[in-house]
Amino acid sequence: MACSGWKKHLDGLEFDNFKYCPYCGNKLDKEGCTYNRSTIPYDEIVSYLNERLGTRYRSSTAKTRKMIKARWNEGFRLQDFKDVIDKKAVEWIGNKEMEKYLRPVTLFSTKFESYLNQISVSGNRGKGKAQRLQELYGELEDGEETDF
């Protein structure tokens, strides 16, 4: 299991008592668990964004790296970044007002979790929430009642 926030792990712990992170088993140094600092796939995330959107953002830009690192340290991983890029591309491409927000500073902002967890908008127009949920989770078995 990987760490989801290496700095958070030191809160309330006596650092000197540990050589390894009590959460994931990776080595500790004076800044915390070393797992997340060396494994953030900046290049892969930004390359995926550029491929999907036809843009030319750089993974070396300080602001882009800061936004990605912040989300990574909250526990989000590569597939989460790809999912957000895909969801927002489907929703915003073709909308002249929203297309300008298809950029790292918006996609990887503090709204990242909301973007990740939103119900997909494509093909859902005119359908109620219950119908969309049934489509997502499959048909209910034997007339099982629901609360939605």
C-alpha atoms as a PDB file:
ATOM      1  CA  MET A   1       0.000   0.000   0.000  1.00  0.00           C
ATOM      2  CA  ALA A   2       1.351   3.394  -0.968  1.00  0.00           C
ATOM      3  CA  CYS A   3       1.345   6.492   1.194  1.00  0.00           C
ATOM      4  CA  SER A   4      -1.343   9.033   0.506  1.00  0.00           C
ATOM      5  CA  GLY A   5       0.248  12.004   2.201  1.00  0.00           C
ATOM      6  CA  TRP A   6       3.763  11.664   3.536  1.00  0.00           C
ATOM      7  CA  LYS A   7       3.805  14.896   5.560  1.00  0.00           C
ATOM      8  CA  LYS A   8       0.540  14.033   7.284  1.00  0.00           C
ATOM      9  CA  HIS A   9       2.060  10.824   8.610  1.00  0.00           C
ATOM     10  CA  LEU A  10       4.396  12.673  10.939  1.00  0.00           C
ATOM     11  CA  ASP A  11       1.662  14.591  12.743  1.00  0.00           C
ATOM     12  CA  GLY A  12       1.607  13.459  16.347  1.00  0.00           C
ATOM     13  CA  LEU A  13       4.417  10.929  15.868  1.00  0.00           C
ATOM     14  CA  GLU A  14       7.848  11.015  17.435  1.00  0.00           C
ATOM     15  CA  PHE A  15       9.924  11.039  14.252  1.00  0.00           C
ATOM     16  CA  ASP A  16      13.089   9.683  15.887  1.00  0.00           C
ATOM     17  CA  ASN A  17      11.306   6.472  16.859  1.00  0.00           C
ATOM     18  CA  PHE A  18      10.757   5.404  13.226  1.00  0.00           C
ATOM     19  CA  LYS A  19      13.130   4.416  10.408  1.00  0.00           C
ATOM     20  CA  TYR A  20      10.262   3.373   8.159  1.00  0.00           C
ATOM     21  CA  CYS A  21       6.839   4.848   7.545  1.00  0.00           C
ATOM     22  CA  PRO A  22       4.285   3.101   9.784  1.00  0.00           C
ATOM     23  CA  TYR A  23       1.705   3.413   6.980  1.00  0.00           C
ATOM     24  CA  CYS A  24       3.482   2.107   3.883  1.00  0.00           C
ATOM     25  CA  GLY A  25       6.855   0.761   5.009  1.00  0.00           C
ATOM     26  CA  ASN A  26       8.984   3.153   2.926  1.00  0.00           C
ATOM     27  CA  LYS A  27      12.005   4.879   4.418  1.00  0.00           C
ATOM     28  CA  LEU A  28      11.574   8.057   6.441  1.00  0.00           C
ATOM     29  CA  ASP A  29      13.891  11.034   6.338  1.00  0.00           C
ATOM     30  CA  LYS A  30      13.683  14.374   8.149  1.00  0.00           C
ATOM     31  CA  GLU A  31      10.855  15.499   5.818  1.00  0.00           C
ATOM     32  CA  GLY A  32       8.749  12.359   6.134  1.00  0.00           C
ATOM     33  CA  CYS A  33       7.960   9.326   4.025  1.00  0.00           C
ATOM     34  CA  THR A  34      10.047   9.238   0.849  1.00  0.00           C
ATOM     35  CA  TYR A  35       7.486   7.342  -1.261  1.00  0.00           C
ATOM     36  CA  ASN A  36       5.584  10.202  -2.889  1.00  0.00           C
ATOM     37  CA  ARG A  37       8.457  12.555  -3.559  1.00  0.00           C
ATOM     38  CA  SER A  38      10.212  10.401  -6.113  1.00  0.00           C
ATOM     39  CA  THR A  39       7.307   8.728  -7.872  1.00  0.00           C
ATOM     40  CA  ILE A  40       5.079  11.523  -9.157  1.00  0.00           C
ATOM     41  CA  PRO A  41       4.667  10.921 -12.917  1.00  0.00           C
ATOM     42  CA  TYR A  42       4.602  14.580 -14.000  1.00  0.00           C
ATOM     43  CA  ASP A  43       5.673  13.784 -17.577  1.00  0.00           C
ATOM     44  CA  GLU A  44       3.072  11.063 -18.055  1.00  0.00           C
ATOM     45  CA  ILE A  45       0.229  13.209 -16.673  1.00  0.00           C
ATOM     46  CA  VAL A  46       1.066  16.249 -18.803  1.00  0.00           C
ATOM     47  CA  SER A  47       1.728  14.106 -21.898  1.00  0.00           C
ATOM     48  CA  TYR A  48      -1.708  12.536 -21.501  1.00  0.00           C
ATOM     49  CA  LEU A  49      -3.274  15.984 -21.183  1.00  0.00           C
ATOM     50  CA  ASN A  50      -1.471  17.184 -24.311  1.00  0.00           C
ATOM     51  CA  GLU A  51      -2.419  14.086 -26.322  1.00  0.00           C
ATOM     52  CA  ARG A  52      -6.054  14.271 -25.305  1.00  0.00           C
ATOM     53  CA  LEU A  53      -6.458  18.007 -25.847  1.00  0.00           C
ATOM     54  CA  GLY A  54      -3.942  18.744 -28.600  1.00  0.00           C
ATOM     55  CA  THR A  55      -2.065  21.171 -26.354  1.00  0.00           C
ATOM     56  CA  ARG A  56       1.625  21.731 -25.609  1.00  0.00           C
ATOM     57  CA  TYR A  57       1.841  22.192 -21.847  1.00  0.00           C
ATOM     58  CA  ARG A  58       5.202  21.406 -20.236  1.00  0.00           C
ATOM     59  CA  SER A  59       5.623  19.133 -17.252  1.00  0.00           C
ATOM     60  CA  SER A  60       8.564  21.255 -16.102  1.00  0.00           C
ATOM     61  CA  THR A  61       6.493  24.390 -15.390  1.00  0.00           C
ATOM     62  CA  ALA A  62       6.598  25.229 -11.686  1.00  0.00           C
ATOM     63  CA  LYS A  63       2.861  25.952 -11.352  1.00  0.00           C
ATOM     64  CA  THR A  64       1.869  22.743 -13.154  1.00  0.00           C
ATOM     65  CA  ARG A  65       4.214  20.665 -10.986  1.00  0.00           C
ATOM     66  CA  LYS A  66       2.902  22.354  -7.843  1.00  0.00           C
ATOM     67  CA  MET A  67      -0.726  21.555  -8.735  1.00  0.00           C
ATOM     68  CA  ILE A  68       0.039  17.927  -9.625  1.00  0.00           C
ATOM     69  CA  LYS A  69       2.135  17.432  -6.490  1.00  0.00           C
ATOM     70  CA  ALA A  70      -0.604  18.854  -4.269  1.00  0.00           C
ATOM     71  CA  ARG A  71      -3.168  16.392  -5.645  1.00  0.00           C
ATOM     72  CA  TRP A  72      -0.644  13.526  -5.522  1.00  0.00           C
ATOM     73  CA  ASN A  73       0.065  14.251  -1.860  1.00  0.00           C
ATOM     74  CA  GLU A  74      -3.686  14.093  -1.198  1.00  0.00           C
ATOM     75  CA  GLY A  75      -3.602  10.498  -2.427  1.00  0.00           C
ATOM     76  CA  PHE A  76      -4.738  10.831  -6.050  1.00  0.00           C
ATOM     77  CA  ARG A  77      -2.869   8.709  -8.583  1.00  0.00           C
ATOM     78  CA  LEU A  78      -2.185   8.573 -12.332  1.00  0.00           C
ATOM     79  CA  GLN A  79      -5.525   7.039 -13.291  1.00  0.00           C
ATOM     80  CA  ASP A  80      -7.338   9.745 -11.322  1.00  0.00           C
ATOM     81  CA  PHE A  81      -5.564  12.445 -13.353  1.00  0.00           C
ATOM     82  CA  LYS A  82      -6.445  10.670 -16.596  1.00  0.00           C
ATOM     83  CA  ASP A  83     -10.077  10.333 -15.508  1.00  0.00           C
ATOM     84  CA  VAL A  84     -10.379  14.040 -14.708  1.00  0.00           C
ATOM     85  CA  ILE A  85      -8.790  14.995 -18.031  1.00  0.00           C
ATOM     86  CA  ASP A  86     -11.178  12.684 -19.891  1.00  0.00           C
ATOM     87  CA  LYS A  87     -14.314  13.790 -18.029  1.00  0.00           C
ATOM     88  CA  LYS A  88     -13.653  17.481 -18.446  1.00  0.00           C
ATOM     89  CA  ALA A  89     -12.607  17.066 -22.094  1.00  0.00           C
ATOM     90  CA  VAL A  90     -15.890  15.340 -22.894  1.00  0.00           C
ATOM     91  CA  GLU A  91     -17.832  17.999 -21.019  1.00  0.00           C
ATOM     92  CA  TRP A  92     -15.979  21.133 -22.136  1.00  0.00           C
ATOM     93  CA  ILE A  93     -14.687  20.503 -25.684  1.00  0.00           C
ATOM     94  CA  GLY A  94     -17.012  22.296 -28.068  1.00  0.00           C
ATOM     95  CA  ASN A  95     -18.221  24.729 -25.392  1.00  0.00           C
ATOM     96  CA  LYS A  96     -16.487  28.000 -26.277  1.00  0.00           C
ATOM     97  CA  GLU A  97     -17.040  29.364 -22.769  1.00  0.00           C
ATOM     98  CA  MET A  98     -15.488  26.352 -21.010  1.00  0.00           C
ATOM     99  CA  GLU A  99     -12.766  25.158 -23.422  1.00  0.00           C
ATOM    100  CA  LYS A 100     -10.380  27.804 -22.110  1.00  0.00           C
ATOM    101  CA  TYR A 101     -10.406  26.026 -18.736  1.00  0.00           C
ATOM    102  CA  LEU A 102      -8.936  22.815 -20.165  1.00  0.00           C
ATOM    103  CA  ARG A 103      -5.530  23.581 -18.645  1.00  0.00           C
ATOM    104  CA  PRO A 104      -3.468  22.249 -15.729  1.00  0.00           C
ATOM    105  CA  VAL A 105      -4.182  25.146 -13.367  1.00  0.00           C
ATOM    106  CA  THR A 106      -7.922  24.432 -13.587  1.00  0.00           C
ATOM    107  CA  LEU A 107      -8.002  20.658 -14.001  1.00  0.00           C
ATOM    108  CA  PHE A 108      -5.559  19.966 -11.158  1.00  0.00           C
ATOM    109  CA  SER A 109      -6.909  22.634  -8.786  1.00  0.00           C
ATOM    110  CA  THR A 110      -8.597  22.125  -5.421  1.00  0.00           C
ATOM    111  CA  LYS A 111     -11.755  21.156  -7.357  1.00  0.00           C
ATOM    112  CA  PHE A 112      -9.959  18.024  -8.619  1.00  0.00           C
ATOM    113  CA  GLU A 113     -11.881  15.610  -6.383  1.00  0.00           C
ATOM    114  CA  SER A 114     -15.204  17.117  -7.460  1.00  0.00           C
ATOM    115  CA  TYR A 115     -14.235  16.733 -11.108  1.00  0.00           C
ATOM    116  CA  LEU A 116     -13.154  13.146 -10.500  1.00  0.00           C
ATOM    117  CA  ASN A 117     -16.387  12.178  -8.766  1.00  0.00           C
ATOM    118  CA  GLN A 118     -18.875  13.932 -11.004  1.00  0.00           C
ATOM    119  CA  ILE A 119     -21.325  11.781 -12.889  1.00  0.00           C
ATOM    120  CA  SER A 120     -20.428  11.786 -16.568  1.00  0.00           C
ATOM    121  CA  VAL A 121     -22.425  14.299 -18.576  1.00  0.00           C
ATOM    122  CA  SER A 122     -22.241  12.686 -22.010  1.00  0.00           C
ATOM    123  CA  GLY A 123     -25.439  10.916 -22.981  1.00  0.00           C
ATOM    124  CA  ASN A 124     -27.226  11.800 -19.742  1.00  0.00           C
ATOM    125  CA  ARG A 125     -29.436  14.660 -20.892  1.00  0.00           C
ATOM    126  CA  GLY A 126     -33.063  14.175 -20.059  1.00  0.00           C
ATOM    127  CA  LYS A 127     -32.429  11.243 -17.726  1.00  0.00           C
ATOM    128  CA  GLY A 128     -33.145  11.290 -14.051  1.00  0.00           C
ATOM    129  CA  LYS A 129     -30.577  10.531 -11.368  1.00  0.00           C
ATOM    130  CA  ALA A 130     -32.081   7.115 -10.612  1.00  0.00           C
ATOM    131  CA  GLN A 131     -31.936   6.109 -14.261  1.00  0.00           C
ATOM    132  CA  ARG A 132     -28.298   7.239 -14.582  1.00  0.00           C
ATOM    133  CA  LEU A 133     -27.352   5.299 -11.445  1.00  0.00           C
ATOM    134  CA  GLN A 134     -29.074   2.165 -12.755  1.00  0.00           C
ATOM    135  CA  GLU A 135     -27.108   2.469 -15.979  1.00  0.00           C
ATOM    136  CA  LEU A 136     -23.888   2.856 -14.017  1.00  0.00           C
ATOM    137  CA  TYR A 137     -24.481  -0.036 -11.645  1.00  0.00           C
ATOM    138  CA  GLY A 138     -26.475  -2.337 -13.900  1.00  0.00           C
ATOM    139  CA  GLU A 139     -30.003  -3.517 -13.547  1.00  0.00           C
ATOM    140  CA  LEU A 140     -31.247  -4.214 -10.036  1.00  0.00           C
ATOM    141  CA  GLU A 141     -31.873  -7.874  -9.382  1.00  0.00           C
ATOM    142  CA  ASP A 142     -35.408  -9.259  -8.929  1.00  0.00           C
ATOM    143  CA  GLY A 143     -37.194  -5.953  -8.432  1.00  0.00           C
ATOM    144  CA  GLU A 144     -35.057  -4.945  -5.452  1.00  0.00           C
ATOM    145  CA  GLU A 145     -36.300  -1.613  -4.096  1.00  0.00           C
ATOM    146  CA  THR A 146     -34.045   1.448  -4.026  1.00  0.00           C
ATOM    147  CA  ASP A 147     -33.875   4.638  -2.015  1.00  0.00           C
ATOM    148  CA  PHE A 148     -33.041   6.857  -4.948  1.00  0.00           C
END
